Amino acid sequence: MDETVTRSVTSVERHGYKIIVVRLKGYSINIVVVQVYMHTTAHNDEEIDIVYEELSKIIGAVKTKNH
């Protein structure tokens, strides 16, 4: 990873093995990246709903921290 990018990472939060939140300090604004490994349609709806619920909670927390 580029040294400039490495220095701009302010935090990394792992939520299980499916979701990671990376916060980057930018020049004019800060950036939050949420990376999700999502189930395919081969998984049942309940498993998919659980991931969506967790993702919704995380996005709500990210919005609260940034505003």
C-alpha atoms as a PDB file:
ATOM      1  CA  MET A   1       0.000   0.000   0.000  1.00  0.00           C
ATOM      2  CA  ASP A   2       1.195   3.523  -0.786  1.00  0.00           C
ATOM      3  CA  GLU A   3       2.765   5.286   2.241  1.00  0.00           C
ATOM      4  CA  THR A   4       0.476   8.312   1.872  1.00  0.00           C
ATOM      5  CA  VAL A   5      -2.591   6.086   1.975  1.00  0.00           C
ATOM      6  CA  THR A   6      -1.190   4.145   4.937  1.00  0.00           C
ATOM      7  CA  ARG A   7      -0.726   7.369   6.924  1.00  0.00           C
ATOM      8  CA  SER A   8      -4.280   8.486   6.134  1.00  0.00           C
ATOM      9  CA  VAL A   9      -5.903   5.406   7.735  1.00  0.00           C
ATOM     10  CA  THR A  10      -7.276   6.529  11.104  1.00  0.00           C
ATOM     11  CA  SER A  11      -9.040   3.315  12.106  1.00  0.00           C
ATOM     12  CA  VAL A  12      -9.973  -0.166  10.979  1.00  0.00           C
ATOM     13  CA  GLU A  13     -12.961  -1.956  12.508  1.00  0.00           C
ATOM     14  CA  ARG A  14     -13.745  -5.578  11.786  1.00  0.00           C
ATOM     15  CA  HIS A  15     -17.290  -6.829  12.279  1.00  0.00           C
ATOM     16  CA  GLY A  16     -17.047 -10.576  12.090  1.00  0.00           C
ATOM     17  CA  TYR A  17     -15.475 -11.918   8.940  1.00  0.00           C
ATOM     18  CA  LYS A  18     -17.933 -10.318   6.501  1.00  0.00           C
ATOM     19  CA  ILE A  19     -17.740  -6.559   7.179  1.00  0.00           C
ATOM     20  CA  ILE A  20     -14.836  -4.143   7.643  1.00  0.00           C
ATOM     21  CA  VAL A  21     -14.968  -0.368   8.159  1.00  0.00           C
ATOM     22  CA  VAL A  22     -11.906   1.728   7.258  1.00  0.00           C
ATOM     23  CA  ARG A  23     -11.717   5.429   8.114  1.00  0.00           C
ATOM     24  CA  LEU A  24      -9.413   7.659   6.060  1.00  0.00           C
ATOM     25  CA  LYS A  25      -8.362  11.222   6.837  1.00  0.00           C
ATOM     26  CA  GLY A  26      -8.655  13.268   3.667  1.00  0.00           C
ATOM     27  CA  TYR A  27      -7.426  16.756   2.768  1.00  0.00           C
ATOM     28  CA  SER A  28     -10.822  18.435   2.759  1.00  0.00           C
ATOM     29  CA  ILE A  29     -13.109  15.637   4.004  1.00  0.00           C
ATOM     30  CA  ASN A  30     -12.737  12.343   5.794  1.00  0.00           C
ATOM     31  CA  ILE A  31     -13.803   9.137   4.064  1.00  0.00           C
ATOM     32  CA  VAL A  32     -15.397   5.994   5.464  1.00  0.00           C
ATOM     33  CA  VAL A  33     -15.187   2.794   3.413  1.00  0.00           C
ATOM     34  CA  VAL A  34     -17.441  -0.124   4.307  1.00  0.00           C
ATOM     35  CA  GLN A  35     -16.444  -3.382   2.619  1.00  0.00           C
ATOM     36  CA  VAL A  36     -18.930  -6.259   2.758  1.00  0.00           C
ATOM     37  CA  TYR A  37     -18.659  -9.887   1.730  1.00  0.00           C
ATOM     38  CA  MET A  38     -22.241 -10.718   0.813  1.00  0.00           C
ATOM     39  CA  HIS A  39     -23.826 -14.133   0.486  1.00  0.00           C
ATOM     40  CA  THR A  40     -24.973 -15.256  -2.918  1.00  0.00           C
ATOM     41  CA  THR A  41     -28.483 -16.382  -3.728  1.00  0.00           C
ATOM     42  CA  ALA A  42     -27.349 -19.908  -2.870  1.00  0.00           C
ATOM     43  CA  HIS A  43     -27.700 -18.977   0.829  1.00  0.00           C
ATOM     44  CA  ASN A  44     -31.045 -18.863   2.567  1.00  0.00           C
ATOM     45  CA  ASP A  45     -32.901 -15.584   3.114  1.00  0.00           C
ATOM     46  CA  GLU A  46     -32.356 -15.661   6.883  1.00  0.00           C
ATOM     47  CA  GLU A  47     -28.553 -15.614   6.513  1.00  0.00           C
ATOM     48  CA  ILE A  48     -28.763 -12.747   4.028  1.00  0.00           C
ATOM     49  CA  ASP A  49     -31.139 -10.791   6.297  1.00  0.00           C
ATOM     50  CA  ILE A  50     -28.691 -11.120   9.204  1.00  0.00           C
ATOM     51  CA  VAL A  51     -25.909  -9.535   7.151  1.00  0.00           C
ATOM     52  CA  TYR A  52     -28.223  -6.710   6.022  1.00  0.00           C
ATOM     53  CA  GLU A  53     -29.285  -6.049   9.632  1.00  0.00           C
ATOM     54  CA  GLU A  54     -25.659  -5.865  10.799  1.00  0.00           C
ATOM     55  CA  LEU A  55     -24.754  -3.618   7.871  1.00  0.00           C
ATOM     56  CA  SER A  56     -27.666  -1.305   8.683  1.00  0.00           C
ATOM     57  CA  LYS A  57     -26.460  -0.976  12.307  1.00  0.00           C
ATOM     58  CA  ILE A  58     -22.913  -0.223  11.177  1.00  0.00           C
ATOM     59  CA  ILE A  59     -24.020   2.426   8.685  1.00  0.00           C
ATOM     60  CA  GLY A  60     -26.159   4.045  11.387  1.00  0.00           C
ATOM     61  CA  ALA A  61     -23.167   4.124  13.726  1.00  0.00           C
ATOM     62  CA  VAL A  62     -20.925   5.594  11.005  1.00  0.00           C
ATOM     63  CA  LYS A  63     -23.475   8.364  10.322  1.00  0.00           C
ATOM     64  CA  THR A  64     -23.734   9.132  14.049  1.00  0.00           C
ATOM     65  CA  LYS A  65     -19.941   9.385  14.479  1.00  0.00           C
ATOM     66  CA  ASN A  66     -19.507  11.653  11.469  1.00  0.00           C
ATOM     67  CA  HIS A  67     -22.325  14.135  12.173  1.00  0.00           C
END
